[in-house]
Amino acid sequence: MGHCRIVQRENIVASKFSRCRLPFFYWIVKYITGMNTFDNTINEWVSIDNEVKRLNEKIRKLREERNDKADNIMDFVKTNRIDSSSIKITDGMLKFSTSRQTPPLTIKHVEECLKKFISNHDQVKTVMDFVKDTRPTKVVSDIKRTYSNN
């Protein structure tokens, strides 16, 4: 129960705290206004979420097209052995390069490495349990949207 207990008495909202005395009509208007504001905020959120979904879909398609073009370009560059050259474009340069990428470190990979390094599997299990149990966590509030199948 909140700090302000509301009781209707002679069209005045009374409470155990004198600062909470306001006309009953005020509380109804405040509730309705709050609900309208809440409804409007929900509608705006859904509208923005729809726009984000639409733009993400467009970005996904553009990335796929760009990756296809990049594959074609890199095939041409490798075939013609021009992979150490640059091409001037209107707003800069395109440089062709190769790099090494390391995948993210996973619990499974750490465990496999420990098993190769430490012969006692009980020790490996103890270390892995410690690593898993001491990982930091955080609580994140979010809105999850589901779509109905009409």
C-alpha atoms as a PDB file:
ATOM      1  CA  MET A   1       0.000   0.000   0.000  1.00  0.00           C
ATOM      2  CA  GLY A   2       1.320   3.461  -0.898  1.00  0.00           C
ATOM      3  CA  HIS A   3       2.011   6.445   1.318  1.00  0.00           C
ATOM      4  CA  CYS A   4      -1.235   8.184   0.418  1.00  0.00           C
ATOM      5  CA  ARG A   5      -4.408   6.226   1.306  1.00  0.00           C
ATOM      6  CA  ILE A   6      -7.257   7.752  -0.711  1.00  0.00           C
ATOM      7  CA  VAL A   7     -10.750   7.926   0.766  1.00  0.00           C
ATOM      8  CA  GLN A   8     -13.591   9.813  -0.894  1.00  0.00           C
ATOM      9  CA  ARG A   9     -15.295  12.161   1.556  1.00  0.00           C
ATOM     10  CA  GLU A  10     -17.562  15.015   0.434  1.00  0.00           C
ATOM     11  CA  ASN A  11     -15.996  15.215  -3.023  1.00  0.00           C
ATOM     12  CA  ILE A  12     -12.574  15.673  -1.402  1.00  0.00           C
ATOM     13  CA  VAL A  13      -9.880  13.058  -1.488  1.00  0.00           C
ATOM     14  CA  ALA A  14      -8.588  12.702   2.055  1.00  0.00           C
ATOM     15  CA  SER A  15      -5.519  10.877   3.169  1.00  0.00           C
ATOM     16  CA  LYS A  16      -3.482  10.235   6.231  1.00  0.00           C
ATOM     17  CA  PHE A  17      -1.113  12.918   4.887  1.00  0.00           C
ATOM     18  CA  SER A  18      -2.556  16.408   4.613  1.00  0.00           C
ATOM     19  CA  ARG A  19      -0.477  17.231   1.527  1.00  0.00           C
ATOM     20  CA  CYS A  20      -2.416  14.586  -0.464  1.00  0.00           C
ATOM     21  CA  ARG A  21      -5.805  16.327  -0.112  1.00  0.00           C
ATOM     22  CA  LEU A  22      -7.029  17.113  -3.581  1.00  0.00           C
ATOM     23  CA  PRO A  23     -10.455  17.190  -5.197  1.00  0.00           C
ATOM     24  CA  PHE A  24     -11.634  13.737  -6.223  1.00  0.00           C
ATOM     25  CA  PHE A  25     -12.140  14.990  -9.786  1.00  0.00           C
ATOM     26  CA  TYR A  26      -8.427  15.839  -9.920  1.00  0.00           C
ATOM     27  CA  TRP A  27      -7.517  12.200  -9.286  1.00  0.00           C
ATOM     28  CA  ILE A  28      -9.894  10.948 -11.994  1.00  0.00           C
ATOM     29  CA  VAL A  29      -8.553  13.455 -14.523  1.00  0.00           C
ATOM     30  CA  LYS A  30      -4.990  12.559 -13.545  1.00  0.00           C
ATOM     31  CA  TYR A  31      -5.756   8.830 -13.979  1.00  0.00           C
ATOM     32  CA  ILE A  32      -7.431   9.320 -17.378  1.00  0.00           C
ATOM     33  CA  THR A  33      -4.693  11.675 -18.558  1.00  0.00           C
ATOM     34  CA  GLY A  34      -2.077   9.200 -17.376  1.00  0.00           C
ATOM     35  CA  MET A  35      -3.795   6.362 -19.234  1.00  0.00           C
ATOM     36  CA  ASN A  36      -4.087   8.478 -22.392  1.00  0.00           C
ATOM     37  CA  THR A  37      -0.425   9.375 -22.135  1.00  0.00           C
ATOM     38  CA  PHE A  38       0.439   5.723 -21.544  1.00  0.00           C
ATOM     39  CA  ASP A  39      -1.694   4.629 -24.526  1.00  0.00           C
ATOM     40  CA  ASN A  40      -0.080   7.280 -26.712  1.00  0.00           C
ATOM     41  CA  THR A  41       3.369   6.198 -25.588  1.00  0.00           C
ATOM     42  CA  ILE A  42       2.543   2.553 -26.381  1.00  0.00           C
ATOM     43  CA  ASN A  43       1.244   3.531 -29.842  1.00  0.00           C
ATOM     44  CA  GLU A  44       4.362   5.610 -30.515  1.00  0.00           C
ATOM     45  CA  TRP A  45       6.606   2.746 -29.356  1.00  0.00           C
ATOM     46  CA  VAL A  46       4.828   0.275 -31.667  1.00  0.00           C
ATOM     47  CA  SER A  47       5.097   2.718 -34.570  1.00  0.00           C
ATOM     48  CA  ILE A  48       8.821   3.203 -33.954  1.00  0.00           C
ATOM     49  CA  ASP A  49       9.298  -0.555 -33.554  1.00  0.00           C
ATOM     50  CA  ASN A  50       7.557  -1.119 -36.902  1.00  0.00           C
ATOM     51  CA  GLU A  51       9.860   1.425 -38.552  1.00  0.00           C
ATOM     52  CA  VAL A  52      12.948  -0.164 -36.983  1.00  0.00           C
ATOM     53  CA  LYS A  53      11.811  -3.589 -38.222  1.00  0.00           C
ATOM     54  CA  ARG A  54      11.248  -2.218 -41.744  1.00  0.00           C
ATOM     55  CA  LEU A  55      14.643  -0.480 -41.812  1.00  0.00           C
ATOM     56  CA  ASN A  56      16.454  -3.537 -40.396  1.00  0.00           C
ATOM     57  CA  GLU A  57      14.938  -5.674 -43.139  1.00  0.00           C
ATOM     58  CA  LYS A  58      16.118  -3.149 -45.738  1.00  0.00           C
ATOM     59  CA  ILE A  59      19.586  -3.051 -44.161  1.00  0.00           C
ATOM     60  CA  ARG A  60      19.741  -6.868 -44.172  1.00  0.00           C
ATOM     61  CA  LYS A  61      18.945  -6.936 -47.909  1.00  0.00           C
ATOM     62  CA  LEU A  62      21.486  -4.189 -48.630  1.00  0.00           C
ATOM     63  CA  ARG A  63      24.176  -6.050 -46.672  1.00  0.00           C
ATOM     64  CA  GLU A  64      23.453  -9.224 -48.631  1.00  0.00           C
ATOM     65  CA  GLU A  65      23.764  -7.308 -51.922  1.00  0.00           C
ATOM     66  CA  ARG A  66      26.960  -5.590 -50.743  1.00  0.00           C
ATOM     67  CA  ASN A  67      28.463  -8.940 -49.668  1.00  0.00           C
ATOM     68  CA  ASP A  68      27.616 -10.481 -53.058  1.00  0.00           C
ATOM     69  CA  LYS A  69      29.267  -7.542 -54.819  1.00  0.00           C
ATOM     70  CA  ALA A  70      32.280  -7.776 -52.484  1.00  0.00           C
ATOM     71  CA  ASP A  71      32.665 -11.486 -53.304  1.00  0.00           C
ATOM     72  CA  ASN A  72      32.582 -10.692 -57.026  1.00  0.00           C
ATOM     73  CA  ILE A  73      35.096  -7.870 -56.612  1.00  0.00           C
ATOM     74  CA  MET A  74      37.449 -10.003 -54.483  1.00  0.00           C
ATOM     75  CA  ASP A  75      37.258 -12.861 -57.024  1.00  0.00           C
ATOM     76  CA  PHE A  76      38.233 -10.427 -59.792  1.00  0.00           C
ATOM     77  CA  VAL A  77      41.016  -8.931 -57.655  1.00  0.00           C
ATOM     78  CA  LYS A  78      42.483 -12.364 -56.822  1.00  0.00           C
ATOM     79  CA  THR A  79      42.123 -13.674 -60.379  1.00  0.00           C
ATOM     80  CA  ASN A  80      43.906 -10.634 -61.804  1.00  0.00           C
ATOM     81  CA  ARG A  81      46.429 -10.478 -58.956  1.00  0.00           C
ATOM     82  CA  ILE A  82      45.728  -6.893 -58.057  1.00  0.00           C
ATOM     83  CA  ASP A  83      45.108  -7.603 -54.378  1.00  0.00           C
ATOM     84  CA  SER A  84      47.809  -5.168 -53.203  1.00  0.00           C
ATOM     85  CA  SER A  85      46.446  -2.227 -55.182  1.00  0.00           C
ATOM     86  CA  SER A  86      43.992   0.577 -54.461  1.00  0.00           C
ATOM     87  CA  ILE A  87      41.182   2.064 -56.504  1.00  0.00           C
ATOM     88  CA  LYS A  88      40.291   5.722 -56.291  1.00  0.00           C
ATOM     89  CA  ILE A  89      36.565   6.409 -55.812  1.00  0.00           C
ATOM     90  CA  THR A  90      34.672   9.707 -55.557  1.00  0.00           C
ATOM     91  CA  ASP A  91      34.962  10.073 -51.785  1.00  0.00           C
ATOM     92  CA  GLY A  92      38.197   8.177 -51.070  1.00  0.00           C
ATOM     93  CA  MET A  93      39.932   4.931 -51.877  1.00  0.00           C
ATOM     94  CA  LEU A  94      39.165   1.216 -51.938  1.00  0.00           C
ATOM     95  CA  LYS A  95      42.044  -0.891 -50.640  1.00  0.00           C
ATOM     96  CA  PHE A  96      42.130  -4.653 -50.907  1.00  0.00           C
ATOM     97  CA  SER A  97      43.559  -6.473 -47.941  1.00  0.00           C
ATOM     98  CA  THR A  98      43.429  -9.719 -46.052  1.00  0.00           C
ATOM     99  CA  SER A  99      43.346 -10.081 -42.280  1.00  0.00           C
ATOM    100  CA  ARG A 100      43.131 -12.816 -39.688  1.00  0.00           C
ATOM    101  CA  GLN A 101      39.990 -12.972 -37.590  1.00  0.00           C
ATOM    102  CA  THR A 102      39.817 -14.853 -34.312  1.00  0.00           C
ATOM    103  CA  PRO A 103      36.422 -16.202 -33.260  1.00  0.00           C
ATOM    104  CA  PRO A 104      35.117 -15.188 -29.824  1.00  0.00           C
ATOM    105  CA  LEU A 105      36.383 -17.123 -26.830  1.00  0.00           C
ATOM    106  CA  THR A 106      33.785 -19.665 -25.734  1.00  0.00           C
ATOM    107  CA  ILE A 107      33.346 -21.731 -22.584  1.00  0.00           C
ATOM    108  CA  LYS A 108      33.548 -24.886 -24.685  1.00  0.00           C
ATOM    109  CA  HIS A 109      36.885 -23.834 -26.186  1.00  0.00           C
ATOM    110  CA  VAL A 110      38.316 -22.968 -22.757  1.00  0.00           C
ATOM    111  CA  GLU A 111      37.248 -26.369 -21.432  1.00  0.00           C
ATOM    112  CA  GLU A 112      38.795 -28.201 -24.415  1.00  0.00           C
ATOM    113  CA  CYS A 113      42.077 -26.333 -23.922  1.00  0.00           C
ATOM    114  CA  LEU A 114      42.116 -27.089 -20.199  1.00  0.00           C
ATOM    115  CA  LYS A 115      41.511 -30.780 -20.900  1.00  0.00           C
ATOM    116  CA  LYS A 116      44.574 -30.791 -23.181  1.00  0.00           C
ATOM    117  CA  PHE A 117      46.658 -28.919 -20.597  1.00  0.00           C
ATOM    118  CA  ILE A 118      45.454 -30.558 -17.351  1.00  0.00           C
ATOM    119  CA  SER A 119      45.237 -34.345 -17.289  1.00  0.00           C
ATOM    120  CA  ASN A 120      43.012 -34.511 -14.189  1.00  0.00           C
ATOM    121  CA  HIS A 121      39.444 -34.111 -15.468  1.00  0.00           C
ATOM    122  CA  ASP A 122      38.132 -33.425 -11.950  1.00  0.00           C
ATOM    123  CA  GLN A 123      40.393 -30.371 -11.741  1.00  0.00           C
ATOM    124  CA  VAL A 124      39.183 -29.228 -15.151  1.00  0.00           C
ATOM    125  CA  LYS A 125      35.575 -29.602 -14.004  1.00  0.00           C
ATOM    126  CA  THR A 126      36.317 -27.650 -10.805  1.00  0.00           C
ATOM    127  CA  VAL A 127      37.964 -24.820 -12.752  1.00  0.00           C
ATOM    128  CA  MET A 128      35.159 -24.720 -15.315  1.00  0.00           C
ATOM    129  CA  ASP A 129      32.491 -24.660 -12.602  1.00  0.00           C
ATOM    130  CA  PHE A 130      34.337 -21.784 -10.952  1.00  0.00           C
ATOM    131  CA  VAL A 131      34.597 -19.866 -14.232  1.00  0.00           C
ATOM    132  CA  LYS A 132      30.882 -20.383 -14.973  1.00  0.00           C
ATOM    133  CA  ASP A 133      29.742 -19.525 -11.447  1.00  0.00           C
ATOM    134  CA  THR A 134      31.788 -16.330 -11.178  1.00  0.00           C
ATOM    135  CA  ARG A 135      30.798 -14.789 -14.486  1.00  0.00           C
ATOM    136  CA  PRO A 136      29.225 -11.377 -13.939  1.00  0.00           C
ATOM    137  CA  THR A 137      25.558 -11.014 -14.792  1.00  0.00           C
ATOM    138  CA  LYS A 138      23.305  -8.025 -15.082  1.00  0.00           C
ATOM    139  CA  VAL A 139      19.560  -7.638 -15.102  1.00  0.00           C
ATOM    140  CA  VAL A 140      18.210  -5.741 -18.087  1.00  0.00           C
ATOM    141  CA  SER A 141      14.620  -4.600 -18.455  1.00  0.00           C
ATOM    142  CA  ASP A 142      13.268  -4.721 -21.965  1.00  0.00           C
ATOM    143  CA  ILE A 143      10.053  -4.879 -23.941  1.00  0.00           C
ATOM    144  CA  LYS A 144       9.565  -8.097 -25.915  1.00  0.00           C
ATOM    145  CA  ARG A 145       7.169  -7.885 -28.824  1.00  0.00           C
ATOM    146  CA  THR A 146       5.355 -10.913 -30.178  1.00  0.00           C
ATOM    147  CA  TYR A 147       3.311 -11.056 -33.353  1.00  0.00           C
ATOM    148  CA  SER A 148      -0.045 -12.778 -33.565  1.00  0.00           C
ATOM    149  CA  ASN A 149      -0.677 -15.217 -36.413  1.00  0.00           C
ATOM    150  CA  ASN A 150      -3.865 -13.791 -37.894  1.00  0.00           C
END
